[in-house]
Protein backbone atom coordinates (compact mmCIF):
# COMPACT_ATOMS: atom_id res chain seq x y z
CA UNK A 1 0.00 0.00 0.00
CA UNK A 2 2.93 2.34 0.54
CA UNK A 3 2.59 5.37 2.78
CA UNK A 4 -0.94 6.57 3.48
CA UNK A 5 -1.65 10.26 3.75
CA UNK A 6 -2.77 11.41 7.19
CA UNK A 7 -5.51 13.88 7.98
CA UNK A 8 -7.19 15.50 10.94
CA UNK A 9 -9.76 13.08 12.37
CA UNK A 10 -12.58 13.55 14.85
CA UNK A 11 -11.32 14.78 18.22
CA UNK A 12 -8.35 16.68 16.76
CA UNK A 13 -6.25 13.52 16.36
CA UNK A 14 -4.27 12.95 13.18
CA UNK A 15 -4.58 9.56 11.50
CA UNK A 16 -4.44 7.67 8.24
CA UNK A 17 -7.12 8.24 5.59
CA UNK A 18 -10.02 6.15 6.98
CA UNK A 19 -11.31 5.13 3.52
CA UNK A 20 -7.99 3.51 2.75
CA UNK A 21 -7.81 1.92 6.21
CA UNK A 22 -11.22 0.33 5.62
CA UNK A 23 -9.99 -1.15 2.34
CA UNK A 24 -6.82 -2.47 3.97
CA UNK A 25 -8.86 -4.22 6.67
CA UNK A 26 -10.69 -6.18 3.95
CA UNK A 27 -7.51 -7.88 2.71
CA UNK A 28 -5.02 -7.74 5.60
CA UNK A 29 -4.94 -9.46 8.97
CA UNK A 30 -5.22 -7.40 12.12
CA UNK A 31 -2.44 -8.31 14.57
CA UNK A 32 -2.77 -7.38 18.25
CA UNK A 33 0.30 -6.60 20.30
CA UNK A 34 -0.46 -6.37 24.01
CA UNK A 35 2.54 -4.99 25.84
CA UNK A 36 3.65 -4.75 29.44
CA UNK A 37 5.22 -1.64 31.00
CA UNK A 38 8.75 -1.24 29.70
CA UNK A 39 8.15 -3.24 26.50
CA UNK A 40 9.28 -1.81 23.17
CA UNK A 41 7.82 -2.28 19.70
CA UNK A 42 9.69 -1.56 16.47
CA UNK A 43 8.02 -1.72 13.08
CA UNK A 44 8.52 -0.57 9.51
CA UNK A 45 7.49 3.03 8.82
CA UNK A 46 4.78 1.86 6.39
CA UNK A 47 3.14 -0.50 8.89
CA UNK A 48 -0.46 0.58 9.36
CA UNK A 49 -0.82 0.85 13.13
CA UNK A 50 -2.98 2.29 15.89
CA UNK A 51 -3.57 2.05 19.60
CA UNK A 52 -6.68 2.00 21.72
CA UNK A 53 -7.45 4.72 24.25
CA UNK A 54 -5.45 4.48 27.46
CA UNK A 55 -8.07 3.69 30.11
CA UNK A 56 -5.60 3.15 32.94
CA UNK A 57 -4.79 5.72 35.62
CA UNK A 58 -1.17 5.80 34.40
CA UNK A 59 0.29 7.94 31.65
CA UNK A 60 1.25 6.14 28.45
CA UNK A 61 4.58 7.33 27.14
CA UNK A 62 5.69 6.92 23.56
CA UNK A 63 8.88 7.78 21.79
CA UNK A 64 8.49 8.06 18.05
CA UNK A 65 11.72 8.21 16.09
CA UNK A 66 11.54 8.85 12.36
CA UNK A 67 14.68 8.83 10.29
CA UNK A 68 15.29 10.31 6.88
CA UNK A 69 18.48 10.87 4.92
CA UNK A 70 19.78 14.47 5.11
CA UNK A 71 19.95 14.48 1.32
CA UNK A 72 16.18 13.79 1.20
CA UNK A 73 14.85 17.18 2.33
CA UNK A 74 11.54 18.07 0.65
CA UNK A 75 11.94 20.34 -2.37
CA UNK A 76 8.57 22.00 -1.62
CA UNK A 77 7.61 23.45 1.74
CA UNK A 78 5.71 20.75 3.62
CA UNK A 79 4.34 20.06 7.10
CA UNK A 80 7.30 17.73 7.63
CA UNK A 81 10.40 19.86 8.26
CA UNK A 82 13.51 19.77 6.14
CA UNK A 83 16.88 18.62 7.39
CA UNK A 84 18.13 20.34 10.54
CA UNK A 85 21.39 19.26 12.18
CA UNK A 86 20.82 17.79 15.65
CA UNK A 87 22.62 18.88 18.79
CA UNK A 88 23.88 15.75 20.53
CA UNK A 89 23.61 15.57 24.30
CA UNK A 90 24.98 12.94 26.68
CA UNK A 91 22.69 10.17 27.98
CA UNK A 92 22.97 11.69 31.44
CA UNK A 93 21.08 14.79 30.21
CA UNK A 94 18.18 12.63 28.99
CA UNK A 95 18.06 10.78 32.30
CA UNK A 96 18.11 14.07 34.21
CA UNK A 97 15.13 15.44 32.27
CA UNK A 98 13.27 12.09 32.39
CA UNK A 99 13.50 11.88 36.16
CA UNK A 100 11.48 15.11 36.43
CA UNK A 101 8.41 13.29 35.14
CA UNK A 102 8.50 10.16 37.32
CA UNK A 103 5.42 9.52 39.44
CA UNK A 104 1.95 11.05 39.66
CA UNK A 105 3.18 13.95 41.78
CA UNK A 106 4.99 15.27 38.70
CA UNK A 107 2.24 14.81 36.09
CA UNK A 108 1.83 18.58 35.72
CA UNK A 109 5.53 18.93 34.85
CA UNK A 110 4.87 16.84 31.74
CA UNK A 111 2.74 19.64 30.32
CA UNK A 112 5.39 22.32 30.90
CA UNK A 113 8.13 23.15 28.43
CA UNK A 114 11.24 21.07 28.84
CA UNK A 115 14.18 22.91 30.38
CA UNK A 116 17.55 22.11 28.90
CA UNK A 117 20.39 22.29 31.41
CA UNK A 118 22.32 25.51 30.79
CA UNK A 119 25.62 23.66 30.44
CA UNK A 120 24.21 21.88 27.36
CA UNK A 121 22.60 24.66 25.36
CA UNK A 122 22.97 27.99 27.08
CA UNK A 123 19.46 28.72 25.77
CA UNK A 124 17.25 27.77 28.75
CA UNK A 125 14.06 26.22 27.33
CA UNK A 126 13.24 24.11 24.31
CA UNK A 127 9.78 23.92 22.78
CA UNK A 128 9.12 20.15 22.61
CA UNK A 129 6.26 20.42 20.16
Foldseek 3Di string as FASTA:
>chain_A
DPAFDWDQDPPRDIFGDVVVVVVCPVPDDDDDDDDDPPDDDDDDPRDHDDDDDDPDPDDDDDDDDDDDDLVPFDPDDDPDHHDDDDQDDDPVQVVVQVVQCPDPVNVVVVVDFGFGPCVRPVPGTDHPD
